[in-house]
């Protein structure tokens, strides 16, 4: 793959084959992230699981202590008295059938979808639109609930969802380049702890095999897994 001049210059600043401690890796990443905007910082892990088996799926949520560095637009499907609760809790959009039709028409100006259980039959009509985008509400993730206020507050506070892909990799955005080292470190540790907590009972051998950090456009930095905690 042909790489740009800035990318190649970033590679010259560190050893891409070496494993660094978490703190060292964050410092290197902040130094080599070259885009002229506040890039997202991402964690990628390769897990010792086989996602082809249902009992080895890894999925969950975590509220990052310092947020993810971006405002989250929340859409809530609900009705009755819960509409007012959602609006007062800070939901950006609240509705039901009207929102379904809007989404069918191509509107997707939201980042998180929450629904009360009595609205899931309505939301199910757009499952083929929300599902592939990772936006379908799920009881396991706490986004199908009557505790609308709590779900909105978690979303606004920086709650992120994670799910292992078909190649046993898991990714998450854990902050921004502008975050200081300590904030990024604490966010990464919180994400790491949640992935460890979600370890399937059927998983055998080494669970987290590799861990890399990267910015939106930067090369990745390999982190020694044992230094995260």
Protein backbone atom coordinates (compact mmCIF):
# COMPACT_ATOMS: atom_id res chain seq x y z
CA UNK A 1 0.00 0.00 0.00
CA UNK A 2 1.33 3.41 -0.96
CA UNK A 3 1.66 5.70 2.05
CA UNK A 4 1.82 9.48 2.22
CA UNK A 5 4.86 11.52 3.25
CA UNK A 6 3.48 12.41 6.70
CA UNK A 7 2.59 8.79 7.42
CA UNK A 8 6.10 7.64 6.53
CA UNK A 9 7.61 10.42 8.66
CA UNK A 10 5.48 9.25 11.60
CA UNK A 11 6.86 5.71 11.21
CA UNK A 12 10.40 7.04 11.57
CA UNK A 13 9.68 8.33 15.08
CA UNK A 14 9.27 4.93 16.76
CA UNK A 15 9.77 1.20 16.30
CA UNK A 16 6.54 -0.17 14.87
CA UNK A 17 7.51 -3.74 15.79
CA UNK A 18 8.25 -3.03 19.45
CA UNK A 19 5.71 -3.46 22.27
CA UNK A 20 5.42 -0.33 24.40
CA UNK A 21 3.87 0.22 27.80
CA UNK A 22 0.44 1.83 27.73
CA UNK A 23 1.73 5.22 28.87
CA UNK A 24 4.66 5.16 26.43
CA UNK A 25 2.34 4.15 23.60
CA UNK A 26 -0.08 6.99 24.28
CA UNK A 27 2.76 9.53 24.29
CA UNK A 28 4.12 8.18 21.02
CA UNK A 29 0.68 8.24 19.45
CA UNK A 30 0.07 11.85 20.45
CA UNK A 31 3.43 12.70 18.90
CA UNK A 32 2.90 10.94 15.58
CA UNK A 33 -0.78 11.89 15.02
CA UNK A 34 -0.27 14.40 12.22
CA UNK A 35 -3.74 15.44 11.01
CA UNK A 36 -4.61 19.11 11.50
CA UNK A 37 -7.80 18.33 13.43
CA UNK A 38 -8.61 16.58 16.70
CA UNK A 39 -8.31 12.96 15.60
CA UNK A 40 -10.09 10.10 17.33
CA UNK A 41 -7.91 7.71 19.34
CA UNK A 42 -8.80 4.08 18.77
CA UNK A 43 -8.04 0.78 20.49
CA UNK A 44 -7.91 -2.47 18.52
CA UNK A 45 -7.61 -5.87 20.17
CA UNK A 46 -7.33 -9.34 18.71
CA UNK A 47 -9.07 -11.84 20.96
CA UNK A 48 -8.51 -15.55 21.47
CA UNK A 49 -12.11 -16.46 20.67
CA UNK A 50 -13.94 -18.00 17.72
CA UNK A 51 -16.89 -15.68 16.92
CA UNK A 52 -18.40 -18.34 14.69
CA UNK A 53 -19.62 -19.99 17.89
CA UNK A 54 -22.43 -18.21 19.71
CA UNK A 55 -20.94 -19.06 23.10
CA UNK A 56 -17.74 -17.17 22.21
CA UNK A 57 -19.28 -13.85 21.21
CA UNK A 58 -17.93 -10.80 23.04
CA UNK A 59 -20.27 -7.85 23.35
CA UNK A 60 -20.97 -5.13 25.89
CA UNK A 61 -20.96 -1.47 26.84
CA UNK A 62 -18.76 0.79 28.91
CA UNK A 63 -19.07 4.38 30.09
CA UNK A 64 -15.70 6.00 29.46
CA UNK A 65 -14.65 8.06 32.52
CA UNK A 66 -13.77 11.07 30.36
CA UNK A 67 -16.21 10.55 27.51
CA UNK A 68 -15.29 9.92 23.89
CA UNK A 69 -14.77 13.55 22.95
CA UNK A 70 -17.82 13.97 20.74
CA UNK A 71 -21.41 14.95 21.34
CA UNK A 72 -23.83 12.04 21.03
CA UNK A 73 -27.17 12.55 19.30
CA UNK A 74 -29.75 10.32 20.96
CA UNK A 75 -33.00 9.14 19.38
CA UNK A 76 -35.61 7.64 21.70
CA UNK A 77 -38.59 5.55 20.61
CA UNK A 78 -41.24 5.79 23.28
CA UNK A 79 -44.77 6.97 24.02
CA UNK A 80 -47.03 8.29 26.75
CA UNK A 81 -45.45 9.76 29.88
CA UNK A 82 -42.02 8.50 28.83
CA UNK A 83 -41.92 11.10 26.05
CA UNK A 84 -41.62 13.91 28.59
CA UNK A 85 -39.04 11.93 30.59
CA UNK A 86 -36.92 11.50 27.46
CA UNK A 87 -37.14 15.16 26.52
CA UNK A 88 -36.24 16.32 30.02
CA UNK A 89 -33.31 13.88 30.16
CA UNK A 90 -31.78 15.47 27.06
CA UNK A 91 -32.83 13.26 24.15
CA UNK A 92 -32.22 14.97 20.83
CA UNK A 93 -35.16 13.26 19.10
CA UNK A 94 -38.22 11.50 20.54
CA UNK A 95 -40.97 9.78 18.63
CA UNK A 96 -42.53 6.62 17.32
CA UNK A 97 -44.19 5.89 13.97
CA UNK A 98 -43.17 9.34 12.72
CA UNK A 99 -39.48 8.57 13.30
CA UNK A 100 -39.80 5.17 11.58
CA UNK A 101 -41.12 6.84 8.43
CA UNK A 102 -38.41 9.50 8.61
CA UNK A 103 -35.68 6.85 8.83
CA UNK A 104 -37.22 4.86 5.98
CA UNK A 105 -36.89 8.05 3.96
CA UNK A 106 -33.14 8.14 4.54
CA UNK A 107 -32.77 10.26 7.70
CA UNK A 108 -29.94 9.02 9.94
CA UNK A 109 -28.87 12.09 11.89
CA UNK A 110 -28.37 10.28 15.22
CA UNK A 111 -25.67 8.24 16.96
CA UNK A 112 -27.59 6.19 19.51
CA UNK A 113 -31.06 4.66 19.59
CA UNK A 114 -32.94 3.88 22.80
CA UNK A 115 -36.39 2.31 22.95
CA UNK A 116 -38.87 1.34 25.61
CA UNK A 117 -39.91 -2.35 25.38
CA UNK A 118 -43.45 -1.44 24.27
CA UNK A 119 -42.02 0.23 21.15
CA UNK A 120 -39.85 -2.61 19.86
CA UNK A 121 -42.52 -3.88 17.49
CA UNK A 122 -42.38 -0.46 15.84
CA UNK A 123 -38.58 -0.27 15.85
CA UNK A 124 -38.41 -3.78 14.37
CA UNK A 125 -39.73 -2.43 11.08
CA UNK A 126 -36.44 -0.61 10.52
CA UNK A 127 -34.19 -3.35 11.88
CA UNK A 128 -32.61 -3.85 8.45
CA UNK A 129 -31.60 -0.20 8.46
CA UNK A 130 -30.44 0.12 12.07
CA UNK A 131 -28.88 -3.34 12.48
CA UNK A 132 -26.05 -3.11 9.92
CA UNK A 133 -25.11 0.30 11.35
CA UNK A 134 -24.89 -1.01 14.91
CA UNK A 135 -27.81 1.17 15.99
CA UNK A 136 -30.47 -1.42 16.80
CA UNK A 137 -31.57 -1.18 20.47
CA UNK A 138 -30.82 -4.26 22.57
CA UNK A 139 -31.86 -5.30 26.09
CA UNK A 140 -28.37 -6.77 26.64
CA UNK A 141 -26.83 -3.35 25.96
CA UNK A 142 -29.33 -1.48 28.10
CA UNK A 143 -30.85 0.38 25.16
CA UNK A 144 -34.21 -1.38 25.41
CA UNK A 145 -35.46 -0.20 28.78
CA UNK A 146 -38.14 1.71 30.65
CA UNK A 147 -35.34 3.56 32.46
CA UNK A 148 -35.20 6.11 29.66
CA UNK A 149 -33.53 8.78 31.77
CA UNK A 150 -30.71 6.47 32.87
CA UNK A 151 -30.07 5.22 29.34
CA UNK A 152 -29.89 8.76 27.95
CA UNK A 153 -27.59 9.92 30.73
CA UNK A 154 -25.20 7.02 30.07
CA UNK A 155 -25.18 7.74 26.34
CA UNK A 156 -24.48 11.42 26.88
CA UNK A 157 -21.77 10.63 29.44
CA UNK A 158 -19.75 8.70 26.88
CA UNK A 159 -21.09 5.15 26.91
CA UNK A 160 -19.79 3.13 23.98
CA UNK A 161 -20.77 -0.28 22.65
CA UNK A 162 -18.32 -2.94 21.52
CA UNK A 163 -18.69 -6.21 19.68
CA UNK A 164 -16.14 -8.70 18.37
CA UNK A 165 -16.14 -9.00 14.57
CA UNK A 166 -15.90 -12.12 12.39
CA UNK A 167 -12.09 -12.08 12.53
CA UNK A 168 -12.01 -11.95 16.37
CA UNK A 169 -11.03 -8.28 16.44
CA UNK A 170 -12.66 -5.65 18.58
CA UNK A 171 -12.38 -1.88 18.10
CA UNK A 172 -13.43 1.25 19.96
CA UNK A 173 -12.88 4.98 19.86
CA UNK A 174 -11.69 5.96 23.34
CA UNK A 175 -11.08 9.70 23.11
CA UNK A 176 -9.42 12.44 21.11
CA UNK A 177 -5.88 13.52 20.37
CA UNK A 178 -6.42 16.61 22.53
CA UNK A 179 -7.04 14.50 25.65
CA UNK A 180 -4.09 14.45 28.03
CA UNK A 181 -2.19 11.20 28.61
CA UNK A 182 -3.88 10.40 31.92
CA UNK A 183 -7.41 10.80 30.54
CA UNK A 184 -6.65 8.58 27.56
CA UNK A 185 -5.02 6.05 29.86
CA UNK A 186 -8.07 5.88 32.14
CA UNK A 187 -10.46 5.58 29.18
CA UNK A 188 -8.41 2.77 27.65
CA UNK A 189 -8.23 0.96 30.99
CA UNK A 190 -12.01 1.22 31.40
CA UNK A 191 -12.55 -0.22 27.93
CA UNK A 192 -9.99 -2.98 28.55
CA UNK A 193 -11.64 -3.92 31.86
CA UNK A 194 -15.05 -4.18 30.20
CA UNK A 195 -13.72 -6.44 27.45
CA UNK A 196 -12.07 -8.66 30.10
CA UNK A 197 -15.32 -8.75 32.06
CA UNK A 198 -17.16 -9.84 28.91
CA UNK A 199 -14.88 -12.86 28.40
CA UNK A 200 -17.01 -15.87 27.41
CA UNK A 201 -16.80 -18.94 29.61
CA UNK A 202 -16.13 -21.02 26.51
CA UNK A 203 -12.97 -19.03 25.64
CA UNK A 204 -9.76 -21.00 26.13
CA UNK A 205 -6.11 -19.99 26.17
CA UNK A 206 -4.88 -16.42 25.96
CA UNK A 207 -7.88 -14.07 25.79
CA UNK A 208 -6.43 -10.71 24.69
CA UNK A 209 -3.70 -11.65 22.24
CA UNK A 210 -2.68 -8.23 20.90
CA UNK A 211 -3.57 -4.59 21.55
CA UNK A 212 -2.84 -1.62 19.31
CA UNK A 213 -3.49 2.12 19.56
CA UNK A 214 -3.93 4.42 16.59
CA UNK A 215 -5.26 7.83 15.64
CA UNK A 216 -7.60 8.34 12.69
CA UNK A 217 -4.78 8.70 10.16
CA UNK A 218 -1.70 7.53 12.06
CA UNK A 219 0.22 4.25 12.03
CA UNK A 220 -0.60 1.95 14.95
CA UNK A 221 1.45 1.51 18.12
CA UNK A 222 1.67 -1.96 19.64
CA UNK A 223 1.00 -2.09 23.40
CA UNK A 224 2.23 -4.76 25.78
CA UNK A 225 -1.05 -6.16 27.09
CA UNK A 226 0.34 -6.74 30.58
CA UNK A 227 1.00 -3.00 31.06
CA UNK A 228 -2.63 -1.95 30.66
CA UNK A 229 -3.41 -3.13 34.20
